[in-house]
Amino acid sequence: MLCAECAPVITSLFLKLLGQMASGTVQTSNPSSRPTVLVQMANALYALGNFTVFCFKSISSLTTKGVQRGTLLPAAYQIGVQSIPVVALTGLFIGMVLAVQSYFQFHQLGMENRMGAMINITLVRELGPVLAATMLAGRIGSAIAAELGTMRVSEQIDAIDSMGISPIRYLVVPRVTACLFLVPALTIVADLVGVAGGFLYSSLALNIDAAQYFYNSKEYVTGFDLATGIIKSVFFGISIGLISCYHGFHCRVGARGVGRAATGAFVSAFVIILLLDLLLGIALDTIYFQFNPGGNSLL
């Protein structure tokens, strides 16, 4: 029992020490020198600890208290409705670019009628979710980080806290919830528009037979392919929401701090999206072939 009670105190002291090292308040033998590798590692560990605590508080507030009334719809409108044109254009050009880039290789093999299968599998499994999430990280993530960063700099978040309102529940939870549900929905929009764009370019510009295009798409594209992209987009949405809000909440003072928060939110979200895409792709394929060694469609 004593160890269990002391563990939070020890962890807090350790994180405080790391924060002092990262901020340069810990005295070193040569204060004028650049940060050492140890200080940089302390900075990274401290940031990771802060982000972990921030995620725990956000998810705990969401699951225990829910979304505060009147905060979800504005966040959903900003994240979902206003992002539809950008996501639709992204999906359209993804489908058309895939058709352009794959036609020459398929034509050399005499398999241009099978282009529909390759375009649609690539679109719904990988490029659709990843590029849609990347565009949303740039548009939504930067906007959320800049908005919350401005509120932090102008002490609006402190004012909300002083009124007895939880800033996490009032500002973070609705944005994370909107990202959780609307990023997958926007990914489906990108997939549908991308499929239409690839078909239109293939049939009108490349003279691919429409019946063969859709027949091969139906034969090779399975429900598991679509489910894979949607599952990935759920994790992408949560990551975009949490990372963006974290950078906004921990924004430094001044206009430069807000700019760095917006840039850091996009870069961090982009890297995490690529990492999650790799890990989820491996995990989902492993689970799928574990239960279905023959590789036949289960959906």
Protein backbone atom coordinates (compact mmCIF):
# COMPACT_ATOMS: atom_id res chain seq x y z
CA MET A 1 0.00 0.00 0.00
CA LEU A 2 2.83 2.38 0.82
CA CYS A 3 4.50 1.79 -2.55
CA ALA A 4 1.19 2.34 -4.33
CA GLU A 5 0.70 5.66 -2.53
CA CYS A 6 4.26 6.81 -3.18
CA ALA A 7 4.28 5.94 -6.87
CA PRO A 8 2.32 9.02 -8.06
CA VAL A 9 4.49 11.32 -5.94
CA ILE A 10 7.71 9.82 -7.26
CA THR A 11 6.42 10.01 -10.83
CA SER A 12 5.42 13.65 -10.37
CA LEU A 13 8.83 14.55 -8.93
CA PHE A 14 10.58 12.74 -11.76
CA LEU A 15 8.53 14.52 -14.43
CA LYS A 16 9.16 17.85 -12.68
CA LEU A 17 12.90 17.18 -12.73
CA LEU A 18 12.72 16.31 -16.42
CA GLY A 19 10.82 19.50 -17.08
CA GLN A 20 13.45 21.55 -15.29
CA MET A 21 16.16 19.87 -17.34
CA ALA A 22 14.26 20.46 -20.56
CA SER A 23 13.63 24.13 -19.77
CA GLY A 24 17.23 24.70 -18.80
CA THR A 25 16.61 25.45 -15.14
CA VAL A 26 18.83 22.57 -14.03
CA GLN A 27 22.37 23.83 -13.51
CA THR A 28 25.10 22.30 -15.63
CA SER A 29 28.86 22.69 -15.67
CA ASN A 30 28.70 24.87 -18.78
CA PRO A 31 25.41 26.80 -18.90
CA SER A 32 26.33 28.63 -22.11
CA SER A 33 26.71 25.42 -24.12
CA ARG A 34 23.99 23.94 -26.29
CA PRO A 35 21.56 21.40 -24.79
CA THR A 36 23.22 18.05 -24.34
CA VAL A 37 21.80 14.75 -25.50
CA LEU A 38 20.61 14.07 -21.95
CA VAL A 39 18.68 17.35 -21.84
CA GLN A 40 17.12 16.64 -25.24
CA MET A 41 16.09 13.18 -24.08
CA ALA A 42 14.64 14.70 -20.91
CA ASN A 43 12.70 17.18 -23.04
CA ALA A 44 11.27 14.36 -25.18
CA LEU A 45 10.37 12.23 -22.16
CA TYR A 46 8.74 15.17 -20.41
CA ALA A 47 6.67 15.99 -23.50
CA LEU A 48 5.67 12.34 -23.83
CA GLY A 49 4.63 12.25 -20.19
CA ASN A 50 2.60 15.44 -20.56
CA PHE A 51 0.90 14.11 -23.69
CA THR A 52 0.07 10.81 -21.98
CA VAL A 53 -1.50 12.60 -19.01
CA PHE A 54 -3.38 14.92 -21.38
CA CYS A 55 -4.78 11.97 -23.35
CA PHE A 56 -5.79 10.18 -20.15
CA LYS A 57 -7.64 13.25 -18.86
CA SER A 58 -9.38 13.80 -22.19
CA ILE A 59 -10.52 10.21 -22.63
CA SER A 60 -11.53 9.97 -18.97
CA SER A 61 -13.62 13.14 -19.26
CA LEU A 62 -15.24 11.84 -22.46
CA THR A 63 -16.15 8.44 -21.01
CA THR A 64 -17.26 9.59 -17.56
CA LYS A 65 -18.85 13.03 -18.09
CA GLY A 66 -19.58 13.05 -21.81
CA VAL A 67 -19.69 16.06 -24.11
CA GLN A 68 -20.85 19.34 -22.64
CA ARG A 69 -24.12 20.56 -24.13
CA GLY A 70 -23.81 23.09 -26.92
CA THR A 71 -20.15 22.41 -27.73
CA LEU A 72 -20.32 19.46 -30.12
CA LEU A 73 -22.29 20.94 -33.03
CA PRO A 74 -19.99 23.95 -33.62
CA ALA A 75 -16.96 21.65 -33.53
CA ALA A 76 -18.67 19.18 -35.86
CA TYR A 77 -19.54 21.95 -38.31
CA GLN A 78 -15.98 23.28 -38.34
CA ILE A 79 -14.36 19.86 -38.62
CA GLY A 80 -16.89 18.05 -40.80
CA VAL A 81 -19.03 20.28 -42.97
CA GLN A 82 -16.36 22.85 -43.82
CA SER A 83 -13.89 20.08 -44.73
CA ILE A 84 -16.10 18.37 -47.31
CA PRO A 85 -14.87 20.40 -50.36
CA VAL A 86 -11.20 19.85 -49.53
CA VAL A 87 -11.66 16.12 -48.88
CA ALA A 88 -13.79 15.66 -52.00
CA LEU A 89 -11.18 17.36 -54.19
CA THR A 90 -8.46 15.24 -52.59
CA GLY A 91 -10.36 12.03 -53.31
CA LEU A 92 -11.14 13.10 -56.88
CA PHE A 93 -7.53 13.78 -57.76
CA ILE A 94 -6.33 10.62 -55.99
CA GLY A 95 -8.55 8.48 -58.20
CA MET A 96 -7.57 10.30 -61.37
CA VAL A 97 -3.84 10.20 -60.58
CA LEU A 98 -4.03 6.46 -59.90
CA ALA A 99 -5.67 5.95 -63.28
CA VAL A 100 -3.01 8.04 -65.04
CA GLN A 101 -0.07 6.34 -63.34
CA SER A 102 -1.30 2.76 -63.71
CA TYR A 103 -2.58 2.81 -67.30
CA PHE A 104 0.79 2.52 -69.06
CA GLN A 105 1.94 -0.49 -67.02
CA PHE A 106 -1.40 -2.29 -67.35
CA HIS A 107 -1.56 -1.48 -71.06
CA GLN A 108 1.85 -3.08 -71.64
CA LEU A 109 0.55 -6.28 -70.06
CA GLY A 110 -2.75 -6.14 -71.92
CA MET A 111 -4.65 -5.88 -68.61
CA GLU A 112 -6.01 -2.36 -68.76
CA ASN A 113 -9.54 -3.65 -68.15
CA ARG A 114 -8.40 -4.75 -64.67
CA MET A 115 -7.36 -1.25 -63.68
CA GLY A 116 -10.55 -0.76 -61.70
CA ALA A 117 -9.55 -3.41 -59.16
CA MET A 118 -6.11 -1.91 -58.54
CA ILE A 119 -7.36 1.68 -58.37
CA ASN A 120 -10.18 0.96 -55.95
CA ILE A 121 -8.20 -1.38 -53.67
CA THR A 122 -5.38 1.14 -53.39
CA LEU A 123 -7.86 3.94 -52.83
CA VAL A 124 -9.99 2.42 -50.08
CA ARG A 125 -7.19 0.62 -48.21
CA GLU A 126 -4.33 3.13 -48.26
CA LEU A 127 -4.35 6.36 -50.22
CA GLY A 128 -7.90 7.39 -49.40
CA PRO A 129 -7.62 7.21 -45.60
CA VAL A 130 -4.00 8.40 -45.42
CA LEU A 131 -4.23 11.38 -47.75
CA ALA A 132 -7.65 12.41 -46.44
CA ALA A 133 -6.28 12.31 -42.89
CA THR A 134 -3.22 14.26 -43.99
CA MET A 135 -5.36 16.98 -45.53
CA LEU A 136 -7.53 17.08 -42.41
CA ALA A 137 -4.46 17.26 -40.18
CA GLY A 138 -3.31 20.28 -42.16
CA ARG A 139 -6.68 21.99 -42.17
CA ILE A 140 -8.29 20.89 -38.91
CA GLY A 141 -5.21 20.17 -36.81
CA SER A 142 -3.52 23.48 -37.47
CA ALA A 143 -6.76 25.40 -36.95
CA ILE A 144 -7.50 23.70 -33.62
CA ALA A 145 -3.94 24.20 -32.37
CA ALA A 146 -3.94 27.87 -33.41
CA GLU A 147 -7.37 28.52 -31.87
CA LEU A 148 -6.56 26.87 -28.54
CA GLY A 149 -3.06 28.35 -28.58
CA THR A 150 -4.51 31.83 -28.93
CA MET A 151 -6.87 31.12 -26.07
CA ARG A 152 -3.93 29.94 -23.96
CA VAL A 153 -1.84 33.02 -24.77
CA SER A 154 -4.74 35.39 -24.06
CA GLU A 155 -5.49 33.51 -20.80
CA GLN A 156 -9.00 32.53 -21.89
CA ILE A 157 -8.34 28.93 -20.87
CA ASP A 158 -7.29 30.11 -17.42
CA ALA A 159 -10.47 32.19 -17.21
CA ILE A 160 -12.61 29.14 -18.09
CA ASP A 161 -10.82 27.16 -15.40
CA SER A 162 -11.31 29.93 -12.84
CA MET A 163 -15.08 29.83 -13.43
CA GLY A 164 -15.17 26.19 -12.35
CA ILE A 165 -15.56 24.82 -15.89
CA SER A 166 -13.22 22.07 -16.98
CA PRO A 167 -11.23 23.30 -20.00
CA ILE A 168 -10.67 19.69 -21.06
CA ARG A 169 -14.39 18.94 -21.18
CA TYR A 170 -15.37 22.31 -22.63
CA LEU A 171 -12.66 22.65 -25.31
CA VAL A 172 -10.98 19.30 -25.94
CA VAL A 173 -13.69 16.66 -25.62
CA PRO A 174 -16.05 18.10 -28.31
CA ARG A 175 -13.19 18.49 -30.80
CA VAL A 176 -11.84 14.99 -30.18
CA THR A 177 -15.35 13.52 -30.40
CA ALA A 178 -16.01 15.33 -33.67
CA CYS A 179 -12.71 14.07 -35.10
CA LEU A 180 -13.50 10.53 -33.92
CA PHE A 181 -16.78 10.34 -35.86
CA LEU A 182 -16.29 12.74 -38.75
CA VAL A 183 -12.83 11.77 -39.99
CA PRO A 184 -14.11 8.26 -40.91
CA ALA A 185 -17.18 9.85 -42.53
CA LEU A 186 -14.99 12.22 -44.53
CA THR A 187 -12.77 9.29 -45.51
CA ILE A 188 -15.82 7.54 -46.98
CA VAL A 189 -16.59 10.72 -48.92
CA ALA A 190 -13.03 10.76 -50.26
CA ASP A 191 -13.30 7.08 -51.23
CA LEU A 192 -16.59 7.56 -53.09
CA VAL A 193 -15.40 10.63 -54.97
CA GLY A 194 -12.07 8.93 -55.71
CA VAL A 195 -13.80 5.87 -57.14
CA ALA A 196 -15.91 8.15 -59.34
CA GLY A 197 -12.86 10.15 -60.44
CA GLY A 198 -10.87 7.05 -61.34
CA PHE A 199 -13.78 5.60 -63.30
CA LEU A 200 -14.55 8.79 -65.20
CA TYR A 201 -10.94 9.33 -66.24
CA SER A 202 -10.48 5.66 -67.17
CA SER A 203 -13.66 5.46 -69.25
CA LEU A 204 -13.66 8.90 -70.85
CA ALA A 205 -9.96 9.65 -71.33
CA LEU A 206 -8.45 6.14 -71.54
CA ASN A 207 -11.40 4.38 -73.24
CA ILE A 208 -11.56 1.57 -70.66
CA ASP A 209 -14.71 -0.53 -70.93
CA ALA A 210 -17.01 0.52 -68.09
CA ALA A 211 -18.56 -2.93 -67.64
CA GLN A 212 -15.15 -4.58 -67.29
CA TYR A 213 -13.98 -1.82 -64.96
CA PHE A 214 -16.80 -2.38 -62.50
CA TYR A 215 -16.81 -6.16 -62.91
CA ASN A 216 -13.15 -6.44 -61.87
CA SER A 217 -13.67 -3.97 -59.07
CA LYS A 218 -16.52 -6.09 -57.73
CA GLU A 219 -14.46 -9.27 -58.01
CA TYR A 220 -11.32 -8.05 -56.25
CA VAL A 221 -12.39 -5.29 -53.88
CA THR A 222 -13.85 -6.82 -50.72
CA GLY A 223 -15.61 -5.53 -47.66
CA PHE A 224 -12.43 -6.13 -45.68
CA ASP A 225 -10.61 -3.60 -47.86
CA LEU A 226 -13.20 -0.96 -47.09
CA ALA A 227 -13.29 -1.91 -43.40
CA THR A 228 -9.50 -1.62 -43.21
CA GLY A 229 -9.59 1.97 -44.44
CA ILE A 230 -12.41 2.93 -42.06
CA ILE A 231 -10.71 1.36 -39.04
CA LYS A 232 -7.53 3.23 -39.86
CA SER A 233 -9.44 6.50 -40.21
CA VAL A 234 -10.92 6.07 -36.72
CA PHE A 235 -7.43 5.97 -35.22
CA PHE A 236 -6.32 8.82 -37.49
CA GLY A 237 -9.23 10.95 -36.26
CA ILE A 238 -8.48 10.35 -32.58
CA SER A 239 -4.80 11.13 -33.16
CA ILE A 240 -5.52 14.37 -35.02
CA GLY A 241 -7.90 15.57 -32.30
CA LEU A 242 -5.67 14.74 -29.33
CA ILE A 243 -2.41 15.96 -30.87
CA SER A 244 -3.92 19.23 -32.08
CA CYS A 245 -5.55 20.01 -28.75
CA TYR A 246 -2.37 19.11 -26.87
CA HIS A 247 -0.24 21.50 -28.93
CA GLY A 248 -2.82 24.25 -28.47
CA PHE A 249 -3.07 23.74 -24.71
CA HIS A 250 0.72 23.78 -24.31
CA CYS A 251 1.32 26.76 -26.59
CA ARG A 252 4.12 29.15 -25.64
CA VAL A 253 3.62 32.87 -25.20
CA GLY A 254 3.48 35.16 -28.22
CA ALA A 255 2.59 34.98 -31.89
CA ARG A 256 5.62 32.80 -32.55
CA GLY A 257 4.36 30.30 -29.98
CA VAL A 258 0.98 30.06 -31.71
CA GLY A 259 2.67 29.54 -35.06
CA ARG A 260 4.89 26.83 -33.65
CA ALA A 261 1.89 25.14 -32.05
CA ALA A 262 0.04 25.03 -35.37
CA THR A 263 3.09 23.76 -37.25
CA GLY A 264 3.94 21.23 -34.56
CA ALA A 265 0.38 19.90 -34.54
CA PHE A 266 0.45 19.21 -38.28
CA VAL A 267 3.92 17.66 -38.32
CA SER A 268 3.25 15.47 -35.28
CA ALA A 269 -0.12 14.33 -36.61
CA PHE A 270 1.36 13.56 -40.03
CA VAL A 271 4.13 11.41 -38.56
CA ILE A 272 1.69 9.57 -36.28
CA ILE A 273 -0.66 8.97 -39.22
CA LEU A 274 2.12 7.28 -41.19
CA LEU A 275 3.20 5.24 -38.16
CA LEU A 276 -0.35 4.13 -37.40
CA ASP A 277 -0.89 3.26 -41.06
CA LEU A 278 2.08 0.90 -40.94
CA LEU A 279 1.21 -0.69 -37.61
CA LEU A 280 -2.51 -1.04 -38.30
CA GLY A 281 -1.83 -2.45 -41.78
CA ILE A 282 0.40 -5.15 -40.32
CA ALA A 283 -1.98 -5.90 -37.44
CA LEU A 284 -5.15 -6.06 -39.55
CA ASP A 285 -3.58 -8.26 -42.22
CA THR A 286 -2.16 -10.57 -39.55
CA ILE A 287 -5.54 -10.93 -37.84
CA TYR A 288 -7.33 -11.42 -41.16
CA PHE A 289 -5.06 -14.19 -42.43
CA GLN A 290 -4.94 -15.78 -38.96
CA PHE A 291 -8.67 -16.46 -39.15
CA ASN A 292 -8.73 -16.91 -42.93
CA PRO A 293 -5.52 -18.62 -44.14
CA GLY A 294 -6.94 -19.10 -47.65
CA GLY A 295 -7.23 -15.36 -48.17
CA ASN A 296 -10.85 -15.53 -49.33
CA SER A 297 -13.13 -12.65 -48.48
CA LEU A 298 -14.85 -12.82 -45.10
CA LEU A 299 -16.97 -9.71 -45.74
